[in-house]
């Protein structure tokens, strides 16, 4: 009996080897046409849900400001940046080809913005319906699925428990979280990208395409113009690797230092423009009104974030919500007076403002909500 079993195992192993090396994959399309693909040419086969309700997904919170060093208050730690995406509607959202970008220049107060011509009131690319993504982009490996009124946390760097070294920082060691981690892309600076916590699945690592010079994605600590977008009829990797989609800041040498990716404005799902509070008068808008007509101010080095305001009317329309809302200004100055995080812990479903104007939609929060 044992010999027969061993023979069967050997036969199936042999057949499996034949399957992998000889058999072809035959795909019959809806129109009846047939496509034959050699199995040896197939790396893997995956099935994804169709896109749905992508327009419900917003940037709920962005944290870039850093925290004081425990041992020396004159120093600070900023390798713990992160953000939260949120499904702001009542239906499940499914998004394929979802990518992350930031605009050139990195800081709103960077001096002369090369994209403004003399006397112009907006950057030249606004009328051309694209934006200049700087240095590189990141993208999700698989379709992102977010349940109604739920969120996804993404670490931009330091996907570990940073609180072990900096008590006021962020603990990203969570199996539910995603992280930007792709050393093979060229974004391999170990101080930015230590090996993520073991609990974070490799499938939740975002991949990157680097077209700039830097070996890390230098998301501004002070004043980023940050956005999420979905490529159409192509993948983020294919789009960003296509030299035809690369251009250079005006009047700058055509080198990697000044290379940017031309992302069509109509691909952008959401964006937020941030100014440093003490640099407001020196800052210039990078997004046009078709993405973000305003900006939100923030203080740096104190662990603050920028956070969405609650849409009071829409939130109270959800049955049973009103009694679950918690009112507090402990962490910020949301005009509604509602503490969204405390309310969600109390069972409420929150709808956030989304008018494409960060001045109306966001406020500065005294700590990243992951620390509440």
Protein backbone atom coordinates (compact mmCIF):
# COMPACT_ATOMS: atom_id res chain seq x y z
CA UNK A 1 0.00 0.00 0.00
CA UNK A 2 2.81 2.40 0.95
CA UNK A 3 4.56 1.67 -2.37
CA UNK A 4 1.36 2.47 -4.30
CA UNK A 5 0.97 5.78 -2.43
CA UNK A 6 4.56 6.73 -3.13
CA UNK A 7 4.05 5.88 -6.80
CA UNK A 8 0.94 8.07 -6.96
CA UNK A 9 2.75 10.97 -5.31
CA UNK A 10 5.56 10.64 -7.83
CA UNK A 11 3.09 10.54 -10.72
CA UNK A 12 1.27 13.68 -9.55
CA UNK A 13 4.58 15.45 -9.02
CA UNK A 14 5.60 14.49 -12.56
CA UNK A 15 2.27 15.66 -13.99
CA UNK A 16 2.53 18.89 -12.00
CA UNK A 17 5.98 19.44 -13.46
CA UNK A 18 4.57 18.87 -16.95
CA UNK A 19 1.71 21.27 -16.18
CA UNK A 20 4.13 23.99 -15.20
CA UNK A 21 6.50 23.54 -18.11
CA UNK A 22 4.48 22.25 -21.08
CA UNK A 23 0.80 23.03 -20.78
CA UNK A 24 -0.62 26.21 -22.26
CA UNK A 25 -3.23 28.50 -20.72
CA UNK A 26 -6.18 28.93 -23.09
CA UNK A 27 -8.25 32.08 -22.49
CA UNK A 28 -11.59 32.40 -24.29
CA UNK A 29 -12.80 36.02 -24.38
CA UNK A 30 -16.41 37.20 -24.34
CA UNK A 31 -16.35 37.85 -28.09
CA UNK A 32 -15.34 34.24 -28.71
CA UNK A 33 -11.71 34.93 -29.57
CA UNK A 34 -9.17 32.58 -28.06
CA UNK A 35 -5.78 33.49 -26.62
CA UNK A 36 -3.12 30.87 -25.93
CA UNK A 37 -0.45 31.70 -23.36
CA UNK A 38 2.49 29.45 -22.51
CA UNK A 39 2.38 28.44 -18.87
CA UNK A 40 6.12 29.04 -18.64
CA UNK A 41 5.48 32.72 -19.50
CA UNK A 42 2.96 33.19 -16.66
CA UNK A 43 4.43 34.47 -13.40
CA UNK A 44 1.15 34.37 -11.45
CA UNK A 45 -2.59 34.69 -11.92
CA UNK A 46 -4.72 36.90 -9.66
CA UNK A 47 -8.39 37.89 -9.61
CA UNK A 48 -9.47 41.36 -8.49
CA UNK A 49 -12.82 42.91 -7.71
CA UNK A 50 -14.01 45.53 -10.20
CA UNK A 51 -13.55 49.16 -9.18
CA UNK A 52 -16.45 50.71 -7.34
CA UNK A 53 -17.15 53.92 -5.41
CA UNK A 54 -13.59 55.19 -5.73
CA UNK A 55 -14.86 58.77 -5.44
CA UNK A 56 -15.86 58.09 -1.82
CA UNK A 57 -12.23 57.67 -0.73
CA UNK A 58 -10.57 60.74 0.80
CA UNK A 59 -7.42 61.71 2.66
CA UNK A 60 -8.69 61.81 6.24
CA UNK A 61 -5.44 62.77 7.97
CA UNK A 62 -1.84 63.57 7.08
CA UNK A 63 1.00 63.52 9.61
CA UNK A 64 4.44 64.85 8.60
CA UNK A 65 5.54 67.23 11.37
CA UNK A 66 7.81 65.12 13.59
CA UNK A 67 8.13 65.02 17.38
CA UNK A 68 10.61 66.25 19.99
CA UNK A 69 13.52 64.02 20.98
CA UNK A 70 12.99 62.66 24.51
CA UNK A 71 16.61 63.24 25.52
CA UNK A 72 17.21 66.58 23.81
CA UNK A 73 14.19 68.87 23.25
CA UNK A 74 16.26 70.92 20.80
CA UNK A 75 16.31 67.93 18.48
CA UNK A 76 13.37 66.22 16.84
CA UNK A 77 12.45 63.01 15.01
CA UNK A 78 10.60 63.07 11.69
CA UNK A 79 11.09 59.59 10.19
CA UNK A 80 7.58 58.53 11.18
CA UNK A 81 5.33 60.23 8.61
CA UNK A 82 2.02 58.64 7.70
CA UNK A 83 -1.51 59.21 6.48
CA UNK A 84 -5.00 57.74 6.67
CA UNK A 85 -7.39 57.08 3.79
CA UNK A 86 -11.10 56.92 4.58
CA UNK A 87 -14.23 55.67 2.85
CA UNK A 88 -16.51 58.67 3.30
CA UNK A 89 -19.63 56.93 2.02
CA UNK A 90 -22.08 54.17 2.81
CA UNK A 91 -20.96 51.67 0.16
CA UNK A 92 -17.83 49.54 -0.04
CA UNK A 93 -15.06 51.17 -2.10
CA UNK A 94 -12.76 49.12 -4.32
CA UNK A 95 -9.85 50.85 -6.08
CA UNK A 96 -7.28 49.28 -8.38
CA UNK A 97 -4.13 51.06 -9.56
CA UNK A 98 -4.17 53.44 -6.59
CA UNK A 99 -1.05 55.58 -6.27
CA UNK A 100 0.41 58.30 -4.04
CA UNK A 101 2.22 61.46 -5.10
CA UNK A 102 3.52 64.82 -3.92
CA UNK A 103 3.98 68.02 -5.89
CA UNK A 104 7.02 69.96 -6.93
CA UNK A 105 8.25 72.05 -5.19
CA UNK A 106 8.37 70.07 -1.95
CA UNK A 107 7.72 73.08 0.30
CA UNK A 108 5.07 75.75 -0.28
CA UNK A 109 7.54 78.45 0.86
CA UNK A 110 10.46 77.26 -1.27
CA UNK A 111 11.12 80.72 -2.75
CA UNK A 112 10.64 81.33 -6.46
CA UNK A 113 8.26 78.64 -7.73
CA UNK A 114 9.52 77.81 -11.23
CA UNK A 115 6.03 76.81 -12.38
CA UNK A 116 4.77 80.42 -12.06
CA UNK A 117 5.46 82.71 -14.99
CA UNK A 118 5.80 86.46 -14.41
CA UNK A 119 2.53 87.92 -13.17
CA UNK A 120 0.75 84.53 -13.12
CA UNK A 121 -1.77 83.74 -10.39
CA UNK A 122 -1.44 79.96 -10.71
CA UNK A 123 1.15 77.41 -11.88
CA UNK A 124 1.39 76.89 -15.65
CA UNK A 125 0.39 73.22 -15.48
CA UNK A 126 -3.06 73.97 -14.00
CA UNK A 127 -4.48 75.12 -17.34
CA UNK A 128 -2.82 72.14 -19.01
CA UNK A 129 -4.72 69.79 -16.66
CA UNK A 130 -1.82 67.91 -15.09
CA UNK A 131 0.32 68.18 -11.98
CA UNK A 132 4.08 67.62 -11.47
CA UNK A 133 4.67 64.68 -9.12
CA UNK A 134 8.16 64.97 -7.64
CA UNK A 135 10.91 62.33 -7.18
CA UNK A 136 8.72 59.22 -7.48
CA UNK A 137 5.33 57.68 -6.82
CA UNK A 138 4.13 54.84 -4.61
CA UNK A 139 1.33 52.43 -5.42
CA UNK A 140 -0.65 49.59 -3.85
CA UNK A 141 0.20 46.11 -5.09
CA UNK A 142 -3.43 44.99 -5.16
CA UNK A 143 -6.88 46.54 -5.26
CA UNK A 144 -7.62 48.43 -2.05
CA UNK A 145 -10.95 47.54 -0.43
CA UNK A 146 -12.36 49.89 2.23
CA UNK A 147 -15.64 49.20 3.98
CA UNK A 148 -18.15 52.05 4.52
CA UNK A 149 -17.03 54.67 7.06
CA UNK A 150 -13.76 52.79 7.60
CA UNK A 151 -10.11 53.68 7.18
CA UNK A 152 -6.73 52.40 6.02
CA UNK A 153 -3.48 53.51 7.68
CA UNK A 154 -0.31 53.92 5.61
CA UNK A 155 3.17 54.54 7.00
CA UNK A 156 5.42 56.60 4.71
CA UNK A 157 8.54 55.50 6.59
CA UNK A 158 9.58 53.79 9.80
CA UNK A 159 6.88 51.08 9.79
CA UNK A 160 7.90 49.93 13.26
CA UNK A 161 7.06 50.83 16.85
CA UNK A 162 8.82 54.20 16.89
CA UNK A 163 7.59 54.90 20.44
CA UNK A 164 10.26 52.57 21.82
CA UNK A 165 12.83 55.23 20.93
CA UNK A 166 10.70 58.39 20.75
CA UNK A 167 7.83 58.24 23.20
CA UNK A 168 5.71 60.87 21.40
CA UNK A 169 6.06 59.19 18.02
CA UNK A 170 3.87 56.56 16.33
CA UNK A 171 3.54 52.78 16.65
CA UNK A 172 3.05 51.40 13.15
CA UNK A 173 3.60 47.75 14.16
CA UNK A 174 0.08 46.68 13.27
CA UNK A 175 -1.03 43.85 10.97
CA UNK A 176 -3.79 46.05 9.51
CA UNK A 177 -1.44 48.82 8.39
CA UNK A 178 0.22 49.38 5.02
CA UNK A 179 3.67 50.84 4.46
CA UNK A 180 5.86 52.38 1.78
CA UNK A 181 8.73 49.91 1.52
CA UNK A 182 10.49 49.02 -1.71
CA UNK A 183 14.30 49.18 -1.46
CA UNK A 184 14.66 47.66 -4.95
CA UNK A 185 13.06 50.81 -6.40
CA UNK A 186 16.03 52.88 -5.30
CA UNK A 187 14.25 54.34 -2.27
CA UNK A 188 16.61 52.49 0.03
CA UNK A 189 17.82 54.93 2.68
CA UNK A 190 17.74 52.74 5.79
CA UNK A 191 17.13 55.63 8.20
CA UNK A 192 13.87 56.29 6.32
CA UNK A 193 13.06 52.67 5.58
CA UNK A 194 14.07 50.22 8.30
CA UNK A 195 12.72 46.72 7.77
CA UNK A 196 8.99 46.92 8.59
CA UNK A 197 7.57 45.23 11.66
CA UNK A 198 7.10 41.48 11.19
CA UNK A 199 3.35 41.75 11.73
CA UNK A 200 2.84 43.78 8.54
CA UNK A 201 2.26 41.37 5.60
CA UNK A 202 4.53 41.77 2.58
CA UNK A 203 1.40 42.11 0.44
CA UNK A 204 0.75 45.39 2.30
CA UNK A 205 4.04 46.94 1.23
CA UNK A 206 3.52 49.72 -1.31
CA UNK A 207 5.78 49.58 -4.34
CA UNK A 208 7.51 52.58 -5.90
CA UNK A 209 8.83 54.00 -9.14
CA UNK A 210 11.73 56.41 -8.65
CA UNK A 211 12.38 58.86 -11.48
CA UNK A 212 14.18 61.51 -9.43
CA UNK A 213 17.63 61.59 -7.85
CA UNK A 214 16.86 61.07 -4.15
CA UNK A 215 17.24 57.68 -2.44
CA UNK A 216 14.24 58.43 -0.23
CA UNK A 217 10.83 59.95 -0.95
CA UNK A 218 11.26 63.39 0.68
CA UNK A 219 7.71 64.21 1.75
CA UNK A 220 7.89 67.71 3.18
CA UNK A 221 7.87 67.94 6.96
CA UNK A 222 6.58 71.50 6.82
CA UNK A 223 4.24 71.98 3.88
CA UNK A 224 3.50 69.10 1.49
CA UNK A 225 1.09 69.15 -1.43
CA UNK A 226 -0.03 65.55 -1.12
CA UNK A 227 -2.43 63.57 -3.33
CA UNK A 228 -3.83 60.17 -4.24
CA UNK A 229 -4.62 59.18 -7.80
CA UNK A 230 -5.80 56.25 -9.90
CA UNK A 231 -4.20 55.52 -13.25
CA UNK A 232 -6.58 54.78 -16.14
CA UNK A 233 -5.98 52.08 -18.77
CA UNK A 234 -2.48 51.51 -17.44
CA UNK A 235 -0.77 50.60 -14.20
CA UNK A 236 1.04 53.13 -12.00
CA UNK A 237 4.35 51.34 -12.69
CA UNK A 238 3.89 51.40 -16.47
CA UNK A 239 2.80 55.04 -16.41
CA UNK A 240 5.69 56.25 -14.26
CA UNK A 241 8.28 54.21 -16.16
CA UNK A 242 7.23 55.71 -19.50
CA UNK A 243 9.76 58.43 -20.39
CA UNK A 244 7.06 60.23 -22.40
CA UNK A 245 5.33 61.11 -19.13
CA UNK A 246 8.41 62.75 -17.62
CA UNK A 247 9.15 66.49 -17.87
CA UNK A 248 11.34 68.97 -16.00
CA UNK A 249 10.79 72.07 -13.92
CA UNK A 250 10.96 75.21 -16.11
CA UNK A 251 14.38 76.79 -16.61
CA UNK A 252 16.08 73.86 -14.86
CA UNK A 253 18.60 71.36 -16.26
CA UNK A 254 17.01 68.22 -17.69
CA UNK A 255 18.48 65.92 -15.06
CA UNK A 256 16.94 63.55 -12.53
CA UNK A 257 17.20 66.23 -9.85
CA UNK A 258 14.46 68.22 -11.61
CA UNK A 259 12.45 65.40 -13.20
CA UNK A 260 8.71 65.27 -12.53
CA UNK A 261 5.88 62.99 -13.62
CA UNK A 262 2.95 64.58 -15.45
CA UNK A 263 -0.12 63.17 -13.68
CA UNK A 264 -3.45 64.08 -15.33
CA UNK A 265 -5.62 66.12 -12.99
CA UNK A 266 -8.68 64.02 -13.74
CA UNK A 267 -6.89 60.99 -12.28
CA UNK A 268 -6.61 62.65 -8.87
CA UNK A 269 -9.07 61.33 -6.30
CA UNK A 270 -8.07 63.73 -3.52
CA UNK A 271 -5.38 66.21 -2.56
CA UNK A 272 -4.47 68.47 0.34
CA UNK A 273 -2.26 71.55 0.27
CA UNK A 274 -0.40 72.33 3.51
CA UNK A 275 1.42 75.51 4.59
CA UNK A 276 3.71 75.91 7.58
CA UNK A 277 1.95 78.31 9.94
CA UNK A 278 4.84 80.77 10.29
CA UNK A 279 5.57 80.69 6.54
CA UNK A 280 2.05 81.43 5.26
CA UNK A 281 2.92 84.80 3.73
CA UNK A 282 5.86 83.26 1.86
CA UNK A 283 3.89 80.32 0.46
CA UNK A 284 2.46 79.78 -3.01
CA UNK A 285 -0.30 77.46 -4.10
CA UNK A 286 0.72 74.37 -6.03
CA UNK A 287 -2.67 72.73 -6.58
CA UNK A 288 -5.21 74.45 -8.76
CA UNK A 289 -8.78 74.95 -7.58
CA UNK A 290 -9.81 71.82 -9.51
CA UNK A 291 -7.94 69.76 -6.86
CA UNK A 292 -7.70 71.99 -3.77
CA UNK A 293 -8.85 75.61 -3.77
CA UNK A 294 -7.40 76.35 -0.33
CA UNK A 295 -4.79 75.21 2.17
CA UNK A 296 -4.46 74.17 5.80
CA UNK A 297 -1.76 75.50 8.14
CA UNK A 298 0.29 73.41 10.55
CA UNK A 299 2.94 73.75 13.26
CA UNK A 300 5.99 71.52 13.00
CA UNK A 301 8.05 69.40 15.43
CA UNK A 302 5.21 68.92 17.95
CA UNK A 303 3.54 65.80 16.56
CA UNK A 304 0.61 67.70 15.03
CA UNK A 305 -1.33 66.49 11.98
CA UNK A 306 -3.87 67.97 9.57
CA UNK A 307 -7.29 66.35 9.97
CA UNK A 308 -10.64 66.52 8.18
CA UNK A 309 -13.54 68.48 9.62
CA UNK A 310 -16.78 66.65 10.31
CA UNK A 311 -19.69 67.25 7.95
CA UNK A 312 -22.26 67.77 10.69
CA UNK A 313 -25.39 67.67 8.52
CA UNK A 314 -24.42 64.49 6.66
CA UNK A 315 -23.21 62.79 9.85
CA UNK A 316 -26.43 63.51 11.74
CA UNK A 317 -28.52 62.20 8.85
CA UNK A 318 -27.24 58.68 9.52
CA UNK A 319 -29.79 56.90 11.67
CA UNK A 320 -28.79 56.53 15.31
CA UNK A 321 -25.68 58.68 14.93
CA UNK A 322 -26.66 61.81 16.86
CA UNK A 323 -26.76 60.12 20.27
CA UNK A 324 -23.30 58.63 19.70
CA UNK A 325 -21.49 61.87 18.87
CA UNK A 326 -18.88 63.10 21.32
CA UNK A 327 -18.15 66.82 21.55
CA UNK A 328 -14.66 67.98 22.49
CA UNK A 329 -11.87 70.30 21.32
CA UNK A 330 -9.15 68.43 23.19
CA UNK A 331 -7.12 67.69 20.06
CA UNK A 332 -8.13 70.39 17.62
CA UNK A 333 -10.47 73.09 16.38
CA UNK A 334 -12.96 71.27 14.18
CA UNK A 335 -15.68 73.94 13.59
CA UNK A 336 -18.33 71.35 14.44
CA UNK A 337 -16.95 70.82 17.94
CA UNK A 338 -17.28 67.07 17.33
CA UNK A 339 -14.42 64.78 18.31
CA UNK A 340 -14.60 62.42 15.36
CA UNK A 341 -12.24 59.81 16.79
CA UNK A 342 -14.03 59.62 20.15
CA UNK A 343 -17.37 59.49 18.34
CA UNK A 344 -16.27 56.55 16.18
CA UNK A 345 -15.09 54.70 19.29
CA UNK A 346 -18.57 55.37 20.65
CA UNK A 347 -20.14 53.66 17.63
CA UNK A 348 -20.87 56.68 15.41
CA UNK A 349 -20.31 56.72 11.65
CA UNK A 350 -18.56 59.91 10.60
CA UNK A 351 -18.95 61.77 7.32
CA UNK A 352 -16.18 64.30 6.68
CA UNK A 353 -16.22 67.58 4.74
CA UNK A 354 -15.13 67.23 1.12
CA UNK A 355 -15.46 70.52 -0.77
CA UNK A 356 -12.03 70.42 -2.50
CA UNK A 357 -10.97 73.36 -0.33
CA UNK A 358 -8.59 72.47 2.50
CA UNK A 359 -9.25 75.78 4.25
CA UNK A 360 -12.83 74.63 4.82
CA UNK A 361 -12.19 70.89 4.98
CA UNK A 362 -9.23 70.56 7.38
CA UNK A 363 -7.91 71.75 10.72
CA UNK A 364 -4.67 71.29 12.60
CA UNK A 365 -4.84 68.48 15.16
CA UNK A 366 -2.65 68.38 18.26
CA UNK A 367 -1.63 64.76 17.73
CA UNK A 368 -1.90 62.06 15.08
CA UNK A 369 -5.14 60.21 15.78
CA UNK A 370 -3.32 56.86 15.92
CA UNK A 371 -2.04 58.01 19.31
CA UNK A 372 -5.49 58.67 20.82
